[in-house]
Every structure is written in C-alpha cells, then in structure tokens.
Amino acid sequence: MATKLASYTFPTFGRRPTAGSKPRYPWDEWLDGSIWELVKGKDFKGQTLNFRNTIQGRCSARGGELRWDIQHVNGKQILVVQCVMPK
C-alpha cells in the first residue's frame, strides 16, 4: 500500500529551483536591459540555441523582447543577448 508523506524535498536535477533555493543563472542581472556576452562552457552549459530559447522564454515572461546573436571567436561560442522592455 502507498504511503502518504507530510513533506519531501525533491531534487532539482539542474532544472528549475525550488522555493528558497538559488537559481543556477543570474536572470535578474542578465535580463536587466543591458547587452550581455555569455560564453558557452563558462557562463552557461548545454547547446547554445537551447539556452537562447530559455533566455527568450524568461525575457518574454517579463514582458520583454529578446535581441540576440551568436558569435564564434577563437573556437568559443558566444551568445550576445539583450532583453528589451517595451516603452
């Protein structure tokens, strides 16, 4: 028979943080309207286009529009982003 638990701390497995935990990325900083250069492997992990989609979703959820570009410099992938809020 199944057991009903009063509480349980679920692992995040690198996904969305649970209440009270620190986010993996500094979203408030990166989505502040400034132009940010993010280096794959240093500032973010995973595929660059997938991460761009994640940032776009975060920016849209705040009511903004994402401007972005991908650069290849010295063998590194660089994602340049800006979350622009409507005037």
C-alpha atoms as a PDB file:
ATOM      1  CA  MET A   1       0.000   0.000   0.000  1.00  0.00           C
ATOM      2  CA  ALA A   2       1.245   3.517  -0.808  1.00  0.00           C
ATOM      3  CA  THR A   3       2.436   5.774   1.986  1.00  0.00           C
ATOM      4  CA  LYS A   4       1.266   9.368   2.303  1.00  0.00           C
ATOM      5  CA  LEU A   5       4.106  11.754   3.247  1.00  0.00           C
ATOM      6  CA  ALA A   6       3.713  15.014   5.118  1.00  0.00           C
ATOM      7  CA  SER A   7       6.663  16.546   3.234  1.00  0.00           C
ATOM      8  CA  TYR A   8       9.525  15.671   0.910  1.00  0.00           C
ATOM      9  CA  THR A   9      12.455  17.610  -0.587  1.00  0.00           C
ATOM     10  CA  PHE A  10      12.614  16.832  -4.297  1.00  0.00           C
ATOM     11  CA  PRO A  11      15.981  17.060  -6.117  1.00  0.00           C
ATOM     12  CA  THR A  12      16.130  19.670  -8.878  1.00  0.00           C
ATOM     13  CA  PHE A  13      18.404  17.717 -11.300  1.00  0.00           C
ATOM     14  CA  GLY A  14      19.608  21.004 -12.798  1.00  0.00           C
ATOM     15  CA  ARG A  15      16.098  22.196 -13.578  1.00  0.00           C
ATOM     16  CA  ARG A  16      14.019  24.956 -12.046  1.00  0.00           C
ATOM     17  CA  PRO A  17      14.989  25.722  -8.485  1.00  0.00           C
ATOM     18  CA  THR A  18      12.597  25.038  -5.662  1.00  0.00           C
ATOM     19  CA  ALA A  19      11.308  27.819  -3.447  1.00  0.00           C
ATOM     20  CA  GLY A  20      14.099  29.335  -1.395  1.00  0.00           C
ATOM     21  CA  SER A  21      16.962  27.885  -3.447  1.00  0.00           C
ATOM     22  CA  LYS A  22      19.408  29.910  -5.510  1.00  0.00           C
ATOM     23  CA  PRO A  23      18.790  29.958  -9.300  1.00  0.00           C
ATOM     24  CA  ARG A  24      21.501  28.448 -11.482  1.00  0.00           C
ATOM     25  CA  TYR A  25      21.795  31.610 -13.591  1.00  0.00           C
ATOM     26  CA  PRO A  26      21.535  35.300 -12.562  1.00  0.00           C
ATOM     27  CA  TRP A  27      18.350  36.000 -14.540  1.00  0.00           C
ATOM     28  CA  ASP A  28      17.602  39.364 -12.888  1.00  0.00           C
ATOM     29  CA  GLU A  29      21.038  40.597 -13.895  1.00  0.00           C
ATOM     30  CA  TRP A  30      21.069  39.159 -17.428  1.00  0.00           C
ATOM     31  CA  LEU A  31      17.558  40.412 -18.203  1.00  0.00           C
ATOM     32  CA  ASP A  32      18.072  43.964 -16.897  1.00  0.00           C
ATOM     33  CA  GLY A  33      18.057  45.547 -20.375  1.00  0.00           C
ATOM     34  CA  SER A  34      21.850  45.640 -20.728  1.00  0.00           C
ATOM     35  CA  ILE A  35      23.704  43.838 -23.509  1.00  0.00           C
ATOM     36  CA  TRP A  36      25.363  40.672 -22.197  1.00  0.00           C
ATOM     37  CA  GLU A  37      28.062  38.457 -23.737  1.00  0.00           C
ATOM     38  CA  LEU A  38      27.685  34.880 -22.484  1.00  0.00           C
ATOM     39  CA  VAL A  39      30.393  32.325 -23.252  1.00  0.00           C
ATOM     40  CA  LYS A  40      29.360  28.696 -23.700  1.00  0.00           C
ATOM     41  CA  GLY A  41      31.004  26.493 -21.081  1.00  0.00           C
ATOM     42  CA  LYS A  42      31.843  29.453 -18.864  1.00  0.00           C
ATOM     43  CA  ASP A  43      28.554  31.304 -18.364  1.00  0.00           C
ATOM     44  CA  PHE A  44      26.132  28.578 -19.435  1.00  0.00           C
ATOM     45  CA  LYS A  45      26.075  24.876 -20.202  1.00  0.00           C
ATOM     46  CA  GLY A  46      24.330  22.925 -22.934  1.00  0.00           C
ATOM     47  CA  GLN A  47      23.529  23.799 -26.511  1.00  0.00           C
ATOM     48  CA  THR A  48      23.698  27.482 -27.403  1.00  0.00           C
ATOM     49  CA  LEU A  49      20.383  27.609 -29.293  1.00  0.00           C
ATOM     50  CA  ASN A  50      18.601  25.754 -26.498  1.00  0.00           C
ATOM     51  CA  PHE A  51      19.969  28.226 -23.973  1.00  0.00           C
ATOM     52  CA  ARG A  52      18.935  31.113 -26.212  1.00  0.00           C
ATOM     53  CA  ASN A  53      15.398  29.668 -26.215  1.00  0.00           C
ATOM     54  CA  THR A  54      15.482  29.531 -22.421  1.00  0.00           C
ATOM     55  CA  ILE A  55      16.558  33.174 -22.198  1.00  0.00           C
ATOM     56  CA  GLN A  56      13.898  34.157 -24.725  1.00  0.00           C
ATOM     57  CA  GLY A  57      11.219  32.473 -22.608  1.00  0.00           C
ATOM     58  CA  ARG A  58      12.461  34.201 -19.452  1.00  0.00           C
ATOM     59  CA  CYS A  59      12.546  37.565 -21.218  1.00  0.00           C
ATOM     60  CA  SER A  60       9.045  37.081 -22.688  1.00  0.00           C
ATOM     61  CA  ALA A  61       7.682  36.099 -19.272  1.00  0.00           C
ATOM     62  CA  ARG A  62       8.863  39.507 -18.023  1.00  0.00           C
ATOM     63  CA  GLY A  63       7.128  41.272 -20.912  1.00  0.00           C
ATOM     64  CA  GLY A  64      10.302  41.884 -22.926  1.00  0.00           C
ATOM     65  CA  GLU A  65      11.603  41.031 -26.378  1.00  0.00           C
ATOM     66  CA  LEU A  66      14.965  39.317 -26.793  1.00  0.00           C
ATOM     67  CA  ARG A  67      17.620  40.625 -29.152  1.00  0.00           C
ATOM     68  CA  TRP A  68      20.364  38.072 -29.711  1.00  0.00           C
ATOM     69  CA  ASP A  69      23.311  36.958 -31.823  1.00  0.00           C
ATOM     70  CA  ILE A  70      25.728  34.032 -31.782  1.00  0.00           C
ATOM     71  CA  GLN A  71      29.403  34.647 -32.444  1.00  0.00           C
ATOM     72  CA  HIS A  72      32.273  32.193 -32.918  1.00  0.00           C
ATOM     73  CA  VAL A  73      35.503  33.676 -31.565  1.00  0.00           C
ATOM     74  CA  ASN A  74      38.746  31.747 -31.024  1.00  0.00           C
ATOM     75  CA  GLY A  75      36.913  28.412 -31.020  1.00  0.00           C
ATOM     76  CA  LYS A  76      34.334  29.573 -28.466  1.00  0.00           C
ATOM     77  CA  GLN A  77      30.618  30.110 -28.963  1.00  0.00           C
ATOM     78  CA  ILE A  78      29.454  33.438 -27.611  1.00  0.00           C
ATOM     79  CA  LEU A  79      25.801  34.335 -27.147  1.00  0.00           C
ATOM     80  CA  VAL A  80      25.091  38.068 -27.083  1.00  0.00           C
ATOM     81  CA  VAL A  81      21.677  38.916 -25.598  1.00  0.00           C
ATOM     82  CA  GLN A  82      19.576  41.894 -24.588  1.00  0.00           C
ATOM     83  CA  CYS A  83      16.096  41.764 -23.071  1.00  0.00           C
ATOM     84  CA  VAL A  84      14.368  44.919 -24.314  1.00  0.00           C
ATOM     85  CA  MET A  85      11.284  46.115 -22.469  1.00  0.00           C
ATOM     86  CA  PRO A  86       8.558  47.996 -24.382  1.00  0.00           C
ATOM     87  CA  LYS A  87       8.388  51.751 -23.862  1.00  0.00           C
END
